[in-house]
Amino acid sequence: MNVREGDTVEVIHHMSNRGIVKKVYFVKVTAGTVGGSFSKRRRIIFESQLDGKMYDMLLSDLRLVRE
């Protein structure tokens, strides 16, 4: 999923919690494997329209809202 700053996202397990993306960043995966390295995980910071708080979540827990 291609998410950019300014896009609207919503939490998959709480769809009434949606908001505007403020920042997209990557986090290094620290688990080790014999087969090789992992790719970095994307995290999203968004401002909720529900309560006005800033949330920092994994991209896999969000979905892009297309209106």
PDB file of N, CA and C in Angstrom:
ATOM      1  N   MET A   1       0.846  -1.160   0.000  1.00  0.00           N
ATOM      2  CA  MET A   1       0.000   0.000   0.000  1.00  0.00           C
ATOM      3  C   MET A   1       0.902   1.236   0.000  1.00  0.00           C
ATOM      4  N   ASN A   2       0.586   2.173  -0.838  1.00  0.00           N
ATOM      5  CA  ASN A   2       1.374   3.387  -0.966  1.00  0.00           C
ATOM      6  C   ASN A   2       0.679   4.522  -0.212  1.00  0.00           C
ATOM      7  N   VAL A   3       1.179   4.852   0.957  1.00  0.00           N
ATOM      8  CA  VAL A   3       0.590   5.896   1.792  1.00  0.00           C
ATOM      9  C   VAL A   3       1.551   7.075   1.846  1.00  0.00           C
ATOM     10  N   ARG A   4       1.012   8.270   1.675  1.00  0.00           N
ATOM     11  CA  ARG A   4       1.823   9.486   1.724  1.00  0.00           C
ATOM     12  C   ARG A   4       1.261  10.438   2.768  1.00  0.00           C
ATOM     13  N   GLU A   5       2.056  11.421   3.134  1.00  0.00           N
ATOM     14  CA  GLU A   5       1.590  12.446   4.058  1.00  0.00           C
ATOM     15  C   GLU A   5       0.403  13.173   3.443  1.00  0.00           C
ATOM     16  N   GLY A   6      -0.634  13.384   4.243  1.00  0.00           N
ATOM     17  CA  GLY A   6      -1.838  14.049   3.757  1.00  0.00           C
ATOM     18  C   GLY A   6      -2.950  13.100   3.368  1.00  0.00           C
ATOM     19  N   ASP A   7      -2.649  11.804   3.209  1.00  0.00           N
ATOM     20  CA  ASP A   7      -3.677  10.810   2.895  1.00  0.00           C
ATOM     21  C   ASP A   7      -4.529  10.535   4.135  1.00  0.00           C
ATOM     22  N   THR A   8      -5.722  10.011   3.915  1.00  0.00           N
ATOM     23  CA  THR A   8      -6.603   9.620   5.016  1.00  0.00           C
ATOM     24  C   THR A   8      -6.527   8.112   5.193  1.00  0.00           C
ATOM     25  N   VAL A   9      -6.319   7.679   6.445  1.00  0.00           N
ATOM     26  CA  VAL A   9      -6.254   6.260   6.770  1.00  0.00           C
ATOM     27  C   VAL A   9      -7.233   5.965   7.897  1.00  0.00           C
ATOM     28  N   GLU A  10      -7.585   4.677   8.043  1.00  0.00           N
ATOM     29  CA  GLU A  10      -8.412   4.257   9.165  1.00  0.00           C
ATOM     30  C   GLU A  10      -7.853   2.954   9.726  1.00  0.00           C
ATOM     31  N   VAL A  11      -8.064   2.751  11.014  1.00  0.00           N
ATOM     32  CA  VAL A  11      -7.572   1.558  11.702  1.00  0.00           C
ATOM     33  C   VAL A  11      -8.474   0.385  11.325  1.00  0.00           C
ATOM     34  N   ILE A  12      -7.892  -0.744  10.973  1.00  0.00           N
ATOM     35  CA  ILE A  12      -8.659  -1.898  10.505  1.00  0.00           C
ATOM     36  C   ILE A  12      -9.596  -2.428  11.588  1.00  0.00           C
ATOM     37  N   HIS A  13      -9.121  -2.508  12.845  1.00  0.00           N
ATOM     38  CA  HIS A  13      -9.942  -3.077  13.915  1.00  0.00           C
ATOM     39  C   HIS A  13     -10.815  -2.034  14.627  1.00  0.00           C
ATOM     40  N   HIS A  14     -10.793  -0.775  14.175  1.00  0.00           N
ATOM     41  CA  HIS A  14     -11.628   0.288  14.759  1.00  0.00           C
ATOM     42  C   HIS A  14     -11.861   1.336  13.667  1.00  0.00           C
ATOM     43  N   MET A  15     -12.760   1.028  12.741  1.00  0.00           N
ATOM     44  CA  MET A  15     -12.887   1.822  11.525  1.00  0.00           C
ATOM     45  C   MET A  15     -13.413   3.234  11.735  1.00  0.00           C
ATOM     46  N   SER A  16     -14.004   3.514  12.893  1.00  0.00           N
ATOM     47  CA  SER A  16     -14.435   4.885  13.135  1.00  0.00           C
ATOM     48  C   SER A  16     -13.249   5.780  13.486  1.00  0.00           C
ATOM     49  N   ASN A  17     -12.096   5.188  13.765  1.00  0.00           N
ATOM     50  CA  ASN A  17     -10.886   5.949  14.065  1.00  0.00           C
ATOM     51  C   ASN A  17     -10.114   6.160  12.777  1.00  0.00           C
ATOM     52  N   ARG A  18     -10.346   7.295  12.147  1.00  0.00           N
ATOM     53  CA  ARG A  18      -9.634   7.629  10.921  1.00  0.00           C
ATOM     54  C   ARG A  18      -8.990   8.984  11.078  1.00  0.00           C
ATOM     55  N   GLY A  19      -8.000   9.247  10.253  1.00  0.00           N
ATOM     56  CA  GLY A  19      -7.306  10.521  10.371  1.00  0.00           C
ATOM     57  C   GLY A  19      -6.365  10.779   9.220  1.00  0.00           C
ATOM     58  N   ILE A  20      -5.705  11.919   9.292  1.00  0.00           N
ATOM     59  CA  ILE A  20      -4.795  12.389   8.254  1.00  0.00           C
ATOM     60  C   ILE A  20      -3.364  11.993   8.623  1.00  0.00           C
ATOM     61  N   VAL A  21      -2.636  11.431   7.651  1.00  0.00           N
ATOM     62  CA  VAL A  21      -1.259  10.997   7.854  1.00  0.00           C
ATOM     63  C   VAL A  21      -0.360  12.219   8.011  1.00  0.00           C
ATOM     64  N   LYS A  22       0.427  12.234   9.097  1.00  0.00           N
ATOM     65  CA  LYS A  22       1.373  13.317   9.356  1.00  0.00           C
ATOM     66  C   LYS A  22       2.799  12.929   9.005  1.00  0.00           C
ATOM     67  N   LYS A  23       3.150  11.633   9.209  1.00  0.00           N
ATOM     68  CA  LYS A  23       4.521  11.193   8.963  1.00  0.00           C
ATOM     69  C   LYS A  23       4.536   9.713   8.627  1.00  0.00           C
ATOM     70  N   VAL A  24       5.395   9.329   7.689  1.00  0.00           N
ATOM     71  CA  VAL A  24       5.645   7.934   7.333  1.00  0.00           C
ATOM     72  C   VAL A  24       7.137   7.696   7.551  1.00  0.00           C
ATOM     73  N   TYR A  25       7.485   6.648   8.328  1.00  0.00           N
ATOM     74  CA  TYR A  25       8.895   6.353   8.551  1.00  0.00           C
ATOM     75  C   TYR A  25       9.113   4.846   8.627  1.00  0.00           C
ATOM     76  N   PHE A  26      10.369   4.439   8.576  1.00  0.00           N
ATOM     77  CA  PHE A  26      10.749   3.034   8.574  1.00  0.00           C
ATOM     78  C   PHE A  26      11.478   2.679   9.863  1.00  0.00           C
ATOM     79  N   VAL A  27      11.256   1.437  10.341  1.00  0.00           N
ATOM     80  CA  VAL A  27      11.903   0.932  11.542  1.00  0.00           C
ATOM     81  C   VAL A  27      12.650  -0.344  11.171  1.00  0.00           C
ATOM     82  N   LYS A  28      13.875  -0.446  11.648  1.00  0.00           N
ATOM     83  CA  LYS A  28      14.684  -1.634  11.397  1.00  0.00           C
ATOM     84  C   LYS A  28      14.102  -2.832  12.131  1.00  0.00           C
ATOM     85  N   VAL A  29      14.046  -3.980  11.472  1.00  0.00           N
ATOM     86  CA  VAL A  29      13.590  -5.224  12.093  1.00  0.00           C
ATOM     87  C   VAL A  29      14.799  -5.879  12.740  1.00  0.00           C
ATOM     88  N   THR A  30      14.685  -6.189  14.031  1.00  0.00           N
ATOM     89  CA  THR A  30      15.849  -6.699  14.762  1.00  0.00           C
ATOM     90  C   THR A  30      15.856  -8.216  14.939  1.00  0.00           C
ATOM     91  N   ALA A  31      14.857  -8.912  14.440  1.00  0.00           N
ATOM     92  CA  ALA A  31      14.844 -10.374  14.545  1.00  0.00           C
ATOM     93  C   ALA A  31      15.872 -10.949  13.575  1.00  0.00           C
ATOM     94  N   GLY A  32      16.500 -12.033  13.976  1.00  0.00           N
ATOM     95  CA  GLY A  32      17.514 -12.642  13.134  1.00  0.00           C
ATOM     96  C   GLY A  32      17.023 -13.909  12.465  1.00  0.00           C
ATOM     97  N   THR A  33      17.496 -14.162  11.256  1.00  0.00           N
ATOM     98  CA  THR A  33      17.186 -15.398  10.552  1.00  0.00           C
ATOM     99  C   THR A  33      18.451 -15.946   9.918  1.00  0.00           C
ATOM    100  N   VAL A  34      18.415 -17.210   9.613  1.00  0.00           N
ATOM    101  CA  VAL A  34      19.550 -17.830   8.941  1.00  0.00           C
ATOM    102  C   VAL A  34      19.526 -17.487   7.456  1.00  0.00           C
ATOM    103  N   GLY A  35      18.339 -17.333   6.907  1.00  0.00           N
ATOM    104  CA  GLY A  35      18.200 -17.130   5.463  1.00  0.00           C
ATOM    105  C   GLY A  35      18.530 -15.747   4.956  1.00  0.00           C
ATOM    106  N   GLY A  36      18.635 -14.768   5.833  1.00  0.00           N
ATOM    107  CA  GLY A  36      18.953 -13.419   5.369  1.00  0.00           C
ATOM    108  C   GLY A  36      18.268 -12.362   6.200  1.00  0.00           C
ATOM    109  N   SER A  37      18.345 -11.151   5.721  1.00  0.00           N
ATOM    110  CA  SER A  37      17.796 -10.033   6.480  1.00  0.00           C
ATOM    111  C   SER A  37      16.345  -9.764   6.088  1.00  0.00           C
ATOM    112  N   PHE A  38      15.661  -9.069   6.969  1.00  0.00           N
ATOM    113  CA  PHE A  38      14.292  -8.658   6.701  1.00  0.00           C
ATOM    114  C   PHE A  38      14.292  -7.254   6.109  1.00  0.00           C
ATOM    115  N   SER A  39      13.190  -6.897   5.454  1.00  0.00           N
ATOM    116  CA  SER A  39      13.041  -5.515   5.011  1.00  0.00           C
ATOM    117  C   SER A  39      12.575  -4.672   6.193  1.00  0.00           C
ATOM    118  N   LYS A  40      12.654  -3.380   6.063  1.00  0.00           N
ATOM    119  CA  LYS A  40      12.251  -2.490   7.151  1.00  0.00           C
ATOM    120  C   LYS A  40      10.735  -2.407   7.234  1.00  0.00           C
ATOM    121  N   ARG A  41      10.219  -2.145   8.444  1.00  0.00           N
ATOM    122  CA  ARG A  41       8.775  -2.025   8.663  1.00  0.00           C
ATOM    123  C   ARG A  41       8.382  -0.555   8.552  1.00  0.00           C
ATOM    124  N   ARG A  42       7.254  -0.302   7.894  1.00  0.00           N
ATOM    125  CA  ARG A  42       6.756   1.066   7.790  1.00  0.00           C
ATOM    126  C   ARG A  42       5.800   1.366   8.929  1.00  0.00           C
ATOM    127  N   ARG A  43       5.973   2.518   9.542  1.00  0.00           N
ATOM    128  CA  ARG A  43       5.079   2.991  10.592  1.00  0.00           C
ATOM    129  C   ARG A  43       4.495   4.325  10.154  1.00  0.00           C
ATOM    130  N   ILE A  44       3.279   4.575  10.606  1.00  0.00           N
ATOM    131  CA  ILE A  44       2.537   5.766  10.217  1.00  0.00           C
ATOM    132  C   ILE A  44       2.149   6.529  11.482  1.00  0.00           C
ATOM    133  N   ILE A  45       2.353   7.834  11.468  1.00  0.00           N
ATOM    134  CA  ILE A  45       1.824   8.705  12.513  1.00  0.00           C
ATOM    135  C   ILE A  45       0.685   9.486  11.882  1.00  0.00           C
ATOM    136  N   PHE A  46      -0.515   9.385  12.494  1.00  0.00           N
ATOM    137  CA  PHE A  46      -1.654  10.125  11.965  1.00  0.00           C
ATOM    138  C   PHE A  46      -2.426  10.785  13.089  1.00  0.00           C
ATOM    139  N   GLU A  47      -3.098  11.897  12.747  1.00  0.00           N
ATOM    140  CA  GLU A  47      -3.924  12.624  13.700  1.00  0.00           C
ATOM    141  C   GLU A  47      -5.364  12.179  13.538  1.00  0.00           C
ATOM    142  N   SER A  48      -5.932  11.644  14.606  1.00  0.00           N
ATOM    143  CA  SER A  48      -7.276  11.083  14.571  1.00  0.00           C
ATOM    144  C   SER A  48      -8.333  12.180  14.498  1.00  0.00           C
ATOM    145  N   GLN A  49      -9.344  11.959  13.655  1.00  0.00           N
ATOM    146  CA  GLN A  49     -10.489  12.867  13.591  1.00  0.00           C
ATOM    147  C   GLN A  49     -11.486  12.551  14.697  1.00  0.00           C
ATOM    148  N   LEU A  50     -11.357  11.378  15.311  1.00  0.00           N
ATOM    149  CA  LEU A  50     -12.258  10.933  16.366  1.00  0.00           C
ATOM    150  C   LEU A  50     -12.010  11.674  17.685  1.00  0.00           C
ATOM    151  N   ASP A  51     -10.743  11.737  18.116  1.00  0.00           N
ATOM    152  CA  ASP A  51     -10.424  12.366  19.392  1.00  0.00           C
ATOM    153  C   ASP A  51      -9.297  13.393  19.328  1.00  0.00           C
ATOM    154  N   GLY A  52      -8.723  13.618  18.158  1.00  0.00           N
ATOM    155  CA  GLY A  52      -7.679  14.629  17.993  1.00  0.00           C
ATOM    156  C   GLY A  52      -6.297  14.205  18.447  1.00  0.00           C
ATOM    157  N   LYS A  53      -6.124  12.951  18.877  1.00  0.00           N
ATOM    158  CA  LYS A  53      -4.824  12.456  19.345  1.00  0.00           C
ATOM    159  C   LYS A  53      -3.972  12.022  18.166  1.00  0.00           C
ATOM    160  N   MET A  54      -2.664  11.967  18.402  1.00  0.00           N
ATOM    161  CA  MET A  54      -1.720  11.456  17.411  1.00  0.00           C
ATOM    162  C   MET A  54      -1.487   9.974  17.708  1.00  0.00           C
ATOM    163  N   TYR A  55      -1.595   9.124  16.691  1.00  0.00           N
ATOM    164  CA  TYR A  55      -1.382   7.690  16.835  1.00  0.00           C
ATOM    165  C   TYR A  55      -0.195   7.267  15.982  1.00  0.00           C
ATOM    166  N   ASP A  56       0.613   6.358  16.506  1.00  0.00           N
ATOM    167  CA  ASP A  56       1.764   5.791  15.810  1.00  0.00           C
ATOM    168  C   ASP A  56       1.488   4.302  15.653  1.00  0.00           C
ATOM    169  N   MET A  57       1.241   3.856  14.415  1.00  0.00           N
ATOM    170  CA  MET A  57       0.838   2.467  14.183  1.00  0.00           C
ATOM    171  C   MET A  57       1.595   1.865  13.009  1.00  0.00           C
ATOM    172  N   LEU A  58       1.604   0.541  12.975  1.00  0.00           N
ATOM    173  CA  LEU A  58       2.169  -0.169  11.831  1.00  0.00           C
ATOM    174  C   LEU A  58       1.268   0.014  10.614  1.00  0.00           C
ATOM    175  N   LEU A  59       1.862   0.042   9.452  1.00  0.00           N
ATOM    176  CA  LEU A  59       1.097   0.187   8.224  1.00  0.00           C
ATOM    177  C   LEU A  59       0.132  -0.982   8.036  1.00  0.00           C
ATOM    178  N   SER A  60       0.495  -2.165   8.500  1.00  0.00           N
ATOM    179  CA  SER A  60      -0.350  -3.347   8.335  1.00  0.00           C
ATOM    180  C   SER A  60      -1.642  -3.271   9.155  1.00  0.00           C
ATOM    181  N   ASP A  61      -1.714  -2.369  10.131  1.00  0.00           N
ATOM    182  CA  ASP A  61      -2.921  -2.193  10.945  1.00  0.00           C
ATOM    183  C   ASP A  61      -3.849  -1.113  10.401  1.00  0.00           C
ATOM    184  N   LEU A  62      -3.478  -0.516   9.280  1.00  0.00           N
ATOM    185  CA  LEU A  62      -4.252   0.585   8.707  1.00  0.00           C
ATOM    186  C   LEU A  62      -4.694   0.250   7.288  1.00  0.00           C
ATOM    187  N   ARG A  63      -5.703   0.983   6.841  1.00  0.00           N
ATOM    188  CA  ARG A  63      -6.075   0.895   5.434  1.00  0.00           C
ATOM    189  C   ARG A  63      -6.317   2.307   4.919  1.00  0.00           C
ATOM    190  N   LEU A  64      -6.038   2.491   3.647  1.00  0.00           N
ATOM    191  CA  LEU A  64      -6.185   3.790   2.999  1.00  0.00           C
ATOM    192  C   LEU A  64      -7.646   4.040   2.668  1.00  0.00           C
ATOM    193  N   VAL A  65      -8.141   5.233   2.982  1.00  0.00           N
ATOM    194  CA  VAL A  65      -9.520   5.609   2.686  1.00  0.00           C
ATOM    195  C   VAL A  65      -9.521   6.396   1.392  1.00  0.00           C
ATOM    196  N   ARG A  66     -10.269   5.929   0.432  1.00  0.00           N
ATOM    197  CA  ARG A  66     -10.399   6.620  -0.861  1.00  0.00           C
ATOM    198  C   ARG A  66     -11.817   7.122  -0.991  1.00  0.00           C
ATOM    199  N   GLU A  67     -11.961   8.418  -0.956  1.00  0.00           N
ATOM    200  CA  GLU A  67     -13.299   9.018  -1.037  1.00  0.00           C
ATOM    201  C   GLU A  67     -13.489   9.754  -2.324  1.00  0.00           C
TER     202      GLU A  67
END
